[in-house]
Amino acid sequence: MDSQQLNDASKYKNWRTQLLKSQISINHINPLYIHRAQKDGSILYALLNLDANTPEGTTLNPICFLKGDAVSMLVVLIAEETNEKYVLLVKQRRICNGDFTYEHPAGMIDEEDSSPIEVAARELGEEAQLDVDPADLTPLFNKPLYSATATSDEALHFFYLERRMPLADIQAMNDKSTGAEGENEHTQLHIATLPEAHGLVSNIHGVMSHLQYLQKVGDYETLKQLPG
């Protein structure tokens, strides 16, 4: 294992800093597995064995899945002719079980000097083929939210984007293949109405983003149409 490269990774340094801020005594950290990006060799995530004590005298869970912060973007495309709202989803195989899954565009924050909103705008260009200025994005929550409480450090920054487009342009995005082959990304865009998207999305992040967005913009009519 290249422990020095792990020590230099910004997500690892941020994680250690948070442990120390929480007054955790670190006895030993052993990297069990490190996964790197094929493009530049940077660390995407790592499985760590942690030996650490809390101020109360207990020990932390010995396994930590290090991912760092990430961004998730709800893209709402509004047809100019009808004002109907469509959601841009990403269809891909789920890593753990191979099932197809529908998700919002998302990405890891790997660069130390990049803000979450900058990463979100860049990811929409790469993953959804949309030219987005960071100023076009609106936060859905006033803080990042953890995706899990026990075994992962990942915290998600949620944003939404509204964009008015001709209906034909919205429909033309459906089934477009995206993703970087070099990073083993095999993704496809999928366009759905907001109620349809709510039925397709099966992860908590996506469901929560739909509800928060509709409440935030005051679209209670669409909110009533969502499947339970």
C-alpha atoms as a PDB file:
ATOM      1  CA  MET A   1       0.000   0.000   0.000  1.00  0.00           C
ATOM      2  CA  ASP A   2       1.239   3.514  -0.843  1.00  0.00           C
ATOM      3  CA  SER A   3       0.566   5.059   2.564  1.00  0.00           C
ATOM      4  CA  GLN A   4       2.382   8.276   1.694  1.00  0.00           C
ATOM      5  CA  GLN A   5       0.050   8.967  -1.242  1.00  0.00           C
ATOM      6  CA  LEU A   6      -2.892   8.388   1.082  1.00  0.00           C
ATOM      7  CA  ASN A   7      -1.411  10.797   3.643  1.00  0.00           C
ATOM      8  CA  ASP A   8      -1.124  13.458   0.923  1.00  0.00           C
ATOM      9  CA  ALA A   9      -4.709  13.091  -0.326  1.00  0.00           C
ATOM     10  CA  SER A  10      -6.898  16.059   0.636  1.00  0.00           C
ATOM     11  CA  LYS A  11      -9.881  13.872   1.574  1.00  0.00           C
ATOM     12  CA  TYR A  12      -7.680  11.861   3.948  1.00  0.00           C
ATOM     13  CA  LYS A  13      -6.232  15.002   5.537  1.00  0.00           C
ATOM     14  CA  ASN A  14      -9.726  16.478   5.967  1.00  0.00           C
ATOM     15  CA  TRP A  15     -10.931  13.263   7.599  1.00  0.00           C
ATOM     16  CA  ARG A  16      -8.008  13.189  10.065  1.00  0.00           C
ATOM     17  CA  THR A  17      -8.570  16.859  10.880  1.00  0.00           C
ATOM     18  CA  GLN A  18     -12.213  16.149  11.685  1.00  0.00           C
ATOM     19  CA  LEU A  19     -11.214  13.270  13.967  1.00  0.00           C
ATOM     20  CA  LEU A  20      -8.883  15.547  15.903  1.00  0.00           C
ATOM     21  CA  LYS A  21     -11.528  18.303  16.110  1.00  0.00           C
ATOM     22  CA  SER A  22     -13.818  15.721  17.676  1.00  0.00           C
ATOM     23  CA  GLN A  23     -11.073  14.993  20.261  1.00  0.00           C
ATOM     24  CA  ILE A  24     -10.488  11.487  18.938  1.00  0.00           C
ATOM     25  CA  SER A  25      -7.180   9.880  19.935  1.00  0.00           C
ATOM     26  CA  ILE A  26      -5.751   8.123  16.866  1.00  0.00           C
ATOM     27  CA  ASN A  27      -3.607   5.115  17.728  1.00  0.00           C
ATOM     28  CA  HIS A  28      -3.158   3.593  14.276  1.00  0.00           C
ATOM     29  CA  ILE A  29      -4.633   3.760  10.772  1.00  0.00           C
ATOM     30  CA  ASN A  30      -4.021   0.887   8.394  1.00  0.00           C
ATOM     31  CA  PRO A  31      -5.122   1.214   4.744  1.00  0.00           C
ATOM     32  CA  LEU A  32      -6.686  -2.081   3.651  1.00  0.00           C
ATOM     33  CA  TYR A  33      -7.499  -1.041   0.087  1.00  0.00           C
ATOM     34  CA  ILE A  34      -6.921   2.091  -2.015  1.00  0.00           C
ATOM     35  CA  HIS A  35      -8.754   2.760  -5.284  1.00  0.00           C
ATOM     36  CA  ARG A  36      -7.206   5.270  -7.658  1.00  0.00           C
ATOM     37  CA  ALA A  37      -8.487   7.091 -10.722  1.00  0.00           C
ATOM     38  CA  GLN A  38      -7.142   5.624 -13.953  1.00  0.00           C
ATOM     39  CA  LYS A  39      -6.688   9.090 -15.442  1.00  0.00           C
ATOM     40  CA  ASP A  40      -4.238  10.611 -12.964  1.00  0.00           C
ATOM     41  CA  GLY A  41      -3.746   8.071 -10.173  1.00  0.00           C
ATOM     42  CA  SER A  42      -5.472  10.244  -7.567  1.00  0.00           C
ATOM     43  CA  ILE A  43      -7.190   8.445  -4.695  1.00  0.00           C
ATOM     44  CA  LEU A  44     -10.945   8.092  -5.191  1.00  0.00           C
ATOM     45  CA  TYR A  45     -11.686   6.127  -2.036  1.00  0.00           C
ATOM     46  CA  ALA A  46     -10.025   3.846   0.501  1.00  0.00           C
ATOM     47  CA  LEU A  47     -10.988   1.182   3.016  1.00  0.00           C
ATOM     48  CA  LEU A  48      -9.261   1.865   6.321  1.00  0.00           C
ATOM     49  CA  ASN A  49      -8.742  -0.086   9.527  1.00  0.00           C
ATOM     50  CA  LEU A  50      -8.931   2.425  12.361  1.00  0.00           C
ATOM     51  CA  ASP A  51      -7.700   2.092  15.938  1.00  0.00           C
ATOM     52  CA  ALA A  52      -8.936   5.187  17.784  1.00  0.00           C
ATOM     53  CA  ASN A  53     -10.461   6.164  21.127  1.00  0.00           C
ATOM     54  CA  THR A  54     -13.155   8.673  22.031  1.00  0.00           C
ATOM     55  CA  PRO A  55     -12.861  11.113  24.965  1.00  0.00           C
ATOM     56  CA  GLU A  56     -15.443   8.931  26.746  1.00  0.00           C
ATOM     57  CA  GLY A  57     -13.033   5.991  26.693  1.00  0.00           C
ATOM     58  CA  THR A  58     -14.769   3.952  23.986  1.00  0.00           C
ATOM     59  CA  THR A  59     -13.351   2.904  20.625  1.00  0.00           C
ATOM     60  CA  LEU A  60     -14.609   3.906  17.205  1.00  0.00           C
ATOM     61  CA  ASN A  61     -15.810   1.405  14.623  1.00  0.00           C
ATOM     62  CA  PRO A  62     -12.598  -0.191  13.277  1.00  0.00           C
ATOM     63  CA  ILE A  63     -13.677   0.040   9.615  1.00  0.00           C
ATOM     64  CA  CYS A  64     -14.047   3.320   7.722  1.00  0.00           C
ATOM     65  CA  PHE A  65     -14.864   3.709   4.035  1.00  0.00           C
ATOM     66  CA  LEU A  66     -13.105   6.943   3.086  1.00  0.00           C
ATOM     67  CA  LYS A  67     -14.790   8.798   0.207  1.00  0.00           C
ATOM     68  CA  GLY A  68     -14.656  12.472   1.159  1.00  0.00           C
ATOM     69  CA  ASP A  69     -17.315  15.027   0.259  1.00  0.00           C
ATOM     70  CA  ALA A  70     -19.447  14.746  -2.871  1.00  0.00           C
ATOM     71  CA  VAL A  71     -22.076  16.736  -4.758  1.00  0.00           C
ATOM     72  CA  SER A  72     -25.545  15.759  -5.989  1.00  0.00           C
ATOM     73  CA  MET A  73     -27.505  17.890  -8.461  1.00  0.00           C
ATOM     74  CA  LEU A  74     -31.225  17.849  -9.206  1.00  0.00           C
ATOM     75  CA  VAL A  75     -31.616  19.155 -12.773  1.00  0.00           C
ATOM     76  CA  VAL A  76     -35.114  20.417 -13.577  1.00  0.00           C
ATOM     77  CA  LEU A  77     -35.685  21.201 -17.259  1.00  0.00           C
ATOM     78  CA  ILE A  78     -38.780  23.309 -17.909  1.00  0.00           C
ATOM     79  CA  ALA A  79     -40.409  23.070 -21.333  1.00  0.00           C
ATOM     80  CA  GLU A  80     -40.843  26.553 -22.798  1.00  0.00           C
ATOM     81  CA  GLU A  81     -44.046  25.590 -24.606  1.00  0.00           C
ATOM     82  CA  THR A  82     -45.922  23.981 -21.699  1.00  0.00           C
ATOM     83  CA  ASN A  83     -44.029  24.905 -18.488  1.00  0.00           C
ATOM     84  CA  GLU A  84     -43.980  21.184 -17.638  1.00  0.00           C
ATOM     85  CA  LYS A  85     -41.026  20.124 -15.504  1.00  0.00           C
ATOM     86  CA  TYR A  86     -38.712  17.279 -16.498  1.00  0.00           C
ATOM     87  CA  VAL A  87     -35.891  15.754 -14.455  1.00  0.00           C
ATOM     88  CA  LEU A  88     -32.575  14.749 -15.970  1.00  0.00           C
ATOM     89  CA  LEU A  89     -31.539  11.391 -14.518  1.00  0.00           C
ATOM     90  CA  VAL A  90     -28.445   9.264 -14.980  1.00  0.00           C
ATOM     91  CA  LYS A  91     -29.033   5.567 -15.660  1.00  0.00           C
ATOM     92  CA  GLN A  92     -26.228   3.173 -14.803  1.00  0.00           C
ATOM     93  CA  ARG A  93     -25.432  -0.186 -13.220  1.00  0.00           C
ATOM     94  CA  ARG A  94     -25.294  -0.173  -9.441  1.00  0.00           C
ATOM     95  CA  ILE A  95     -21.813  -1.262  -8.344  1.00  0.00           C
ATOM     96  CA  CYS A  96     -22.744  -3.721  -5.603  1.00  0.00           C
ATOM     97  CA  ASN A  97     -25.482  -5.775  -7.272  1.00  0.00           C
ATOM     98  CA  GLY A  98     -25.448  -4.905 -10.984  1.00  0.00           C
ATOM     99  CA  ASP A  99     -29.032  -3.640 -11.124  1.00  0.00           C
ATOM    100  CA  PHE A 100     -29.851  -0.610 -13.257  1.00  0.00           C
ATOM    101  CA  THR A 101     -30.356   2.474 -11.121  1.00  0.00           C
ATOM    102  CA  TYR A 102     -31.658   5.974 -11.842  1.00  0.00           C
ATOM    103  CA  GLU A 103     -29.905   8.780 -10.003  1.00  0.00           C
ATOM    104  CA  HIS A 104     -29.282  12.493 -10.152  1.00  0.00           C
ATOM    105  CA  PRO A 105     -25.932  13.610 -11.595  1.00  0.00           C
ATOM    106  CA  ALA A 106     -23.297  13.510  -8.878  1.00  0.00           C
ATOM    107  CA  GLY A 107     -19.547  13.521  -8.338  1.00  0.00           C
ATOM    108  CA  MET A 108     -16.735  13.439  -5.808  1.00  0.00           C
ATOM    109  CA  ILE A 109     -14.900  16.526  -4.609  1.00  0.00           C
ATOM    110  CA  ASP A 110     -11.317  15.480  -5.288  1.00  0.00           C
ATOM    111  CA  GLU A 111      -9.496  18.790  -5.723  1.00  0.00           C
ATOM    112  CA  GLU A 112      -8.395  20.515  -2.527  1.00  0.00           C
ATOM    113  CA  ASP A 113      -8.955  24.019  -3.916  1.00  0.00           C
ATOM    114  CA  SER A 114     -12.385  23.430  -5.506  1.00  0.00           C
ATOM    115  CA  SER A 115     -15.599  24.489  -3.799  1.00  0.00           C
ATOM    116  CA  PRO A 116     -18.614  22.142  -3.865  1.00  0.00           C
ATOM    117  CA  ILE A 117     -20.600  24.452  -6.134  1.00  0.00           C
ATOM    118  CA  GLU A 118     -17.726  24.649  -8.632  1.00  0.00           C
ATOM    119  CA  VAL A 119     -17.455  20.869  -8.698  1.00  0.00           C
ATOM    120  CA  ALA A 120     -21.230  20.593  -9.168  1.00  0.00           C
ATOM    121  CA  ALA A 121     -21.161  22.904 -12.202  1.00  0.00           C
ATOM    122  CA  ARG A 122     -18.207  21.036 -13.718  1.00  0.00           C
ATOM    123  CA  GLU A 123     -19.803  17.628 -13.151  1.00  0.00           C
ATOM    124  CA  LEU A 124     -22.958  18.723 -14.958  1.00  0.00           C
ATOM    125  CA  GLY A 125     -20.808  19.607 -17.949  1.00  0.00           C
ATOM    126  CA  GLU A 126     -19.055  16.228 -17.896  1.00  0.00           C
ATOM    127  CA  GLU A 127     -21.917  13.950 -16.886  1.00  0.00           C
ATOM    128  CA  ALA A 128     -24.992  15.726 -18.249  1.00  0.00           C
ATOM    129  CA  GLN A 129     -23.411  17.696 -21.116  1.00  0.00           C
ATOM    130  CA  LEU A 130     -24.823  20.983 -19.802  1.00  0.00           C
ATOM    131  CA  ASP A 131     -22.939  24.274 -19.779  1.00  0.00           C
ATOM    132  CA  VAL A 132     -23.549  25.484 -16.220  1.00  0.00           C
ATOM    133  CA  ASP A 133     -22.195  28.489 -14.342  1.00  0.00           C
ATOM    134  CA  PRO A 134     -21.874  27.950 -10.556  1.00  0.00           C
ATOM    135  CA  ALA A 135     -24.148  30.974 -10.077  1.00  0.00           C
ATOM    136  CA  ASP A 136     -26.945  29.017 -11.800  1.00  0.00           C
ATOM    137  CA  LEU A 137     -27.014  26.452  -8.974  1.00  0.00           C
ATOM    138  CA  THR A 138     -29.004  26.800  -5.760  1.00  0.00           C
ATOM    139  CA  PRO A 139     -28.231  24.843  -2.575  1.00  0.00           C
ATOM    140  CA  LEU A 140     -31.045  22.546  -1.438  1.00  0.00           C
ATOM    141  CA  PHE A 141     -29.835  22.433   2.170  1.00  0.00           C
ATOM    142  CA  ASN A 142     -27.797  24.848   4.279  1.00  0.00           C
ATOM    143  CA  LYS A 143     -25.177  22.209   5.111  1.00  0.00           C
ATOM    144  CA  PRO A 144     -23.787  18.946   3.710  1.00  0.00           C
ATOM    145  CA  LEU A 145     -25.566  15.799   4.830  1.00  0.00           C
ATOM    146  CA  TYR A 146     -23.941  12.482   5.664  1.00  0.00           C
ATOM    147  CA  SER A 147     -24.917   9.544   3.486  1.00  0.00           C
ATOM    148  CA  ALA A 148     -24.250   7.083   6.327  1.00  0.00           C
ATOM    149  CA  THR A 149     -23.548   7.421  10.030  1.00  0.00           C
ATOM    150  CA  ALA A 150     -21.500   4.345  10.782  1.00  0.00           C
ATOM    151  CA  THR A 151     -18.900   3.295   8.237  1.00  0.00           C
ATOM    152  CA  SER A 152     -18.373   6.137   5.723  1.00  0.00           C
ATOM    153  CA  ASP A 153     -17.134   9.712   6.042  1.00  0.00           C
ATOM    154  CA  GLU A 154     -18.979  10.836   2.888  1.00  0.00           C
ATOM    155  CA  ALA A 155     -20.960  14.062   3.166  1.00  0.00           C
ATOM    156  CA  LEU A 156     -23.146  15.257   0.292  1.00  0.00           C
ATOM    157  CA  HIS A 157     -23.685  18.839  -0.879  1.00  0.00           C
ATOM    158  CA  PHE A 158     -27.079  19.128  -2.620  1.00  0.00           C
ATOM    159  CA  PHE A 159     -27.928  21.626  -5.367  1.00  0.00           C
ATOM    160  CA  TYR A 160     -30.678  22.155  -7.892  1.00  0.00           C
ATOM    161  CA  LEU A 161     -30.703  23.744 -11.328  1.00  0.00           C
ATOM    162  CA  GLU A 162     -33.756  25.033 -13.195  1.00  0.00           C
ATOM    163  CA  ARG A 163     -33.381  25.646 -16.926  1.00  0.00           C
ATOM    164  CA  ARG A 164     -36.025  26.582 -19.497  1.00  0.00           C
ATOM    165  CA  MET A 165     -35.532  24.854 -22.845  1.00  0.00           C
ATOM    166  CA  PRO A 166     -37.559  23.989 -25.943  1.00  0.00           C
ATOM    167  CA  LEU A 167     -39.321  20.663 -25.415  1.00  0.00           C
ATOM    168  CA  ALA A 168     -37.572  19.172 -28.450  1.00  0.00           C
ATOM    169  CA  ASP A 169     -34.160  19.964 -26.920  1.00  0.00           C
ATOM    170  CA  ILE A 170     -35.172  18.336 -23.650  1.00  0.00           C
ATOM    171  CA  GLN A 171     -36.399  15.206 -25.408  1.00  0.00           C
ATOM    172  CA  ALA A 172     -33.221  15.038 -27.513  1.00  0.00           C
ATOM    173  CA  MET A 173     -31.174  14.471 -24.339  1.00  0.00           C
ATOM    174  CA  ASN A 174     -32.982  11.213 -23.579  1.00  0.00           C
ATOM    175  CA  ASP A 175     -30.854   8.047 -23.985  1.00  0.00           C
ATOM    176  CA  LYS A 176     -27.631   9.983 -24.648  1.00  0.00           C
ATOM    177  CA  SER A 177     -24.569   8.010 -23.560  1.00  0.00           C
ATOM    178  CA  THR A 178     -22.220   9.848 -21.199  1.00  0.00           C
ATOM    179  CA  GLY A 179     -19.418   9.013 -18.782  1.00  0.00           C
ATOM    180  CA  ALA A 180     -15.683   8.601 -19.092  1.00  0.00           C
ATOM    181  CA  GLU A 181     -14.679   5.220 -20.494  1.00  0.00           C
ATOM    182  CA  GLY A 182     -11.248   5.609 -18.927  1.00  0.00           C
ATOM    183  CA  GLU A 183     -12.879   5.805 -15.495  1.00  0.00           C
ATOM    184  CA  ASN A 184     -15.149   2.801 -16.164  1.00  0.00           C
ATOM    185  CA  GLU A 185     -18.216   5.055 -16.257  1.00  0.00           C
ATOM    186  CA  HIS A 186     -21.007   3.693 -18.439  1.00  0.00           C
ATOM    187  CA  THR A 187     -23.912   6.065 -18.013  1.00  0.00           C
ATOM    188  CA  GLN A 188     -26.942   7.097 -20.013  1.00  0.00           C
ATOM    189  CA  LEU A 189     -29.161  10.151 -19.627  1.00  0.00           C
ATOM    190  CA  HIS A 190     -32.850   9.629 -19.005  1.00  0.00           C
ATOM    191  CA  ILE A 191     -35.551  12.311 -19.140  1.00  0.00           C
ATOM    192  CA  ALA A 192     -38.688  11.921 -17.024  1.00  0.00           C
ATOM    193  CA  THR A 193     -41.419  14.114 -15.608  1.00  0.00           C
ATOM    194  CA  LEU A 194     -40.952  14.877 -11.939  1.00  0.00           C
ATOM    195  CA  PRO A 195     -43.577  12.344 -10.776  1.00  0.00           C
ATOM    196  CA  GLU A 196     -42.058   9.726 -13.116  1.00  0.00           C
ATOM    197  CA  ALA A 197     -38.563  10.489 -11.821  1.00  0.00           C
ATOM    198  CA  HIS A 198     -39.786  10.137  -8.245  1.00  0.00           C
ATOM    199  CA  GLY A 199     -40.997   6.641  -9.075  1.00  0.00           C
ATOM    200  CA  LEU A 200     -37.755   5.664 -10.812  1.00  0.00           C
ATOM    201  CA  VAL A 201     -35.272   6.953  -8.242  1.00  0.00           C
ATOM    202  CA  SER A 202     -34.630   4.391  -5.516  1.00  0.00           C
ATOM    203  CA  ASN A 203     -31.982   6.107  -3.397  1.00  0.00           C
ATOM    204  CA  ILE A 204     -32.781   8.272  -0.387  1.00  0.00           C
ATOM    205  CA  HIS A 205     -30.762  11.207  -1.751  1.00  0.00           C
ATOM    206  CA  GLY A 206     -32.882  11.461  -4.882  1.00  0.00           C
ATOM    207  CA  VAL A 207     -36.233  11.094  -3.138  1.00  0.00           C
ATOM    208  CA  MET A 208     -35.245  13.679  -0.536  1.00  0.00           C
ATOM    209  CA  SER A 209     -34.052  16.129  -3.220  1.00  0.00           C
ATOM    210  CA  HIS A 210     -37.399  15.979  -5.049  1.00  0.00           C
ATOM    211  CA  LEU A 211     -39.350  16.717  -1.880  1.00  0.00           C
ATOM    212  CA  GLN A 212     -37.026  19.494  -0.727  1.00  0.00           C
ATOM    213  CA  TYR A 213     -36.960  21.155  -4.153  1.00  0.00           C
ATOM    214  CA  LEU A 214     -40.748  21.200  -4.563  1.00  0.00           C
ATOM    215  CA  GLN A 215     -41.158  22.623  -1.090  1.00  0.00           C
ATOM    216  CA  LYS A 216     -38.425  25.196  -1.666  1.00  0.00           C
ATOM    217  CA  VAL A 217     -39.980  26.532  -4.893  1.00  0.00           C
ATOM    218  CA  GLY A 218     -43.538  26.219  -3.590  1.00  0.00           C
ATOM    219  CA  ASP A 219     -44.686  23.746  -6.256  1.00  0.00           C
ATOM    220  CA  TYR A 220     -47.254  21.969  -4.114  1.00  0.00           C
ATOM    221  CA  GLU A 221     -49.341  20.906  -7.110  1.00  0.00           C
ATOM    222  CA  THR A 222     -46.526  18.676  -8.406  1.00  0.00           C
ATOM    223  CA  LEU A 223     -45.798  17.559  -4.851  1.00  0.00           C
ATOM    224  CA  LYS A 224     -49.332  16.115  -4.641  1.00  0.00           C
ATOM    225  CA  GLN A 225     -48.740  14.136  -7.840  1.00  0.00           C
ATOM    226  CA  LEU A 226     -45.682  12.254  -6.541  1.00  0.00           C
ATOM    227  CA  PRO A 227     -46.142   8.506  -6.069  1.00  0.00           C
ATOM    228  CA  GLY A 228     -45.961   7.311  -2.481  1.00  0.00           C
END
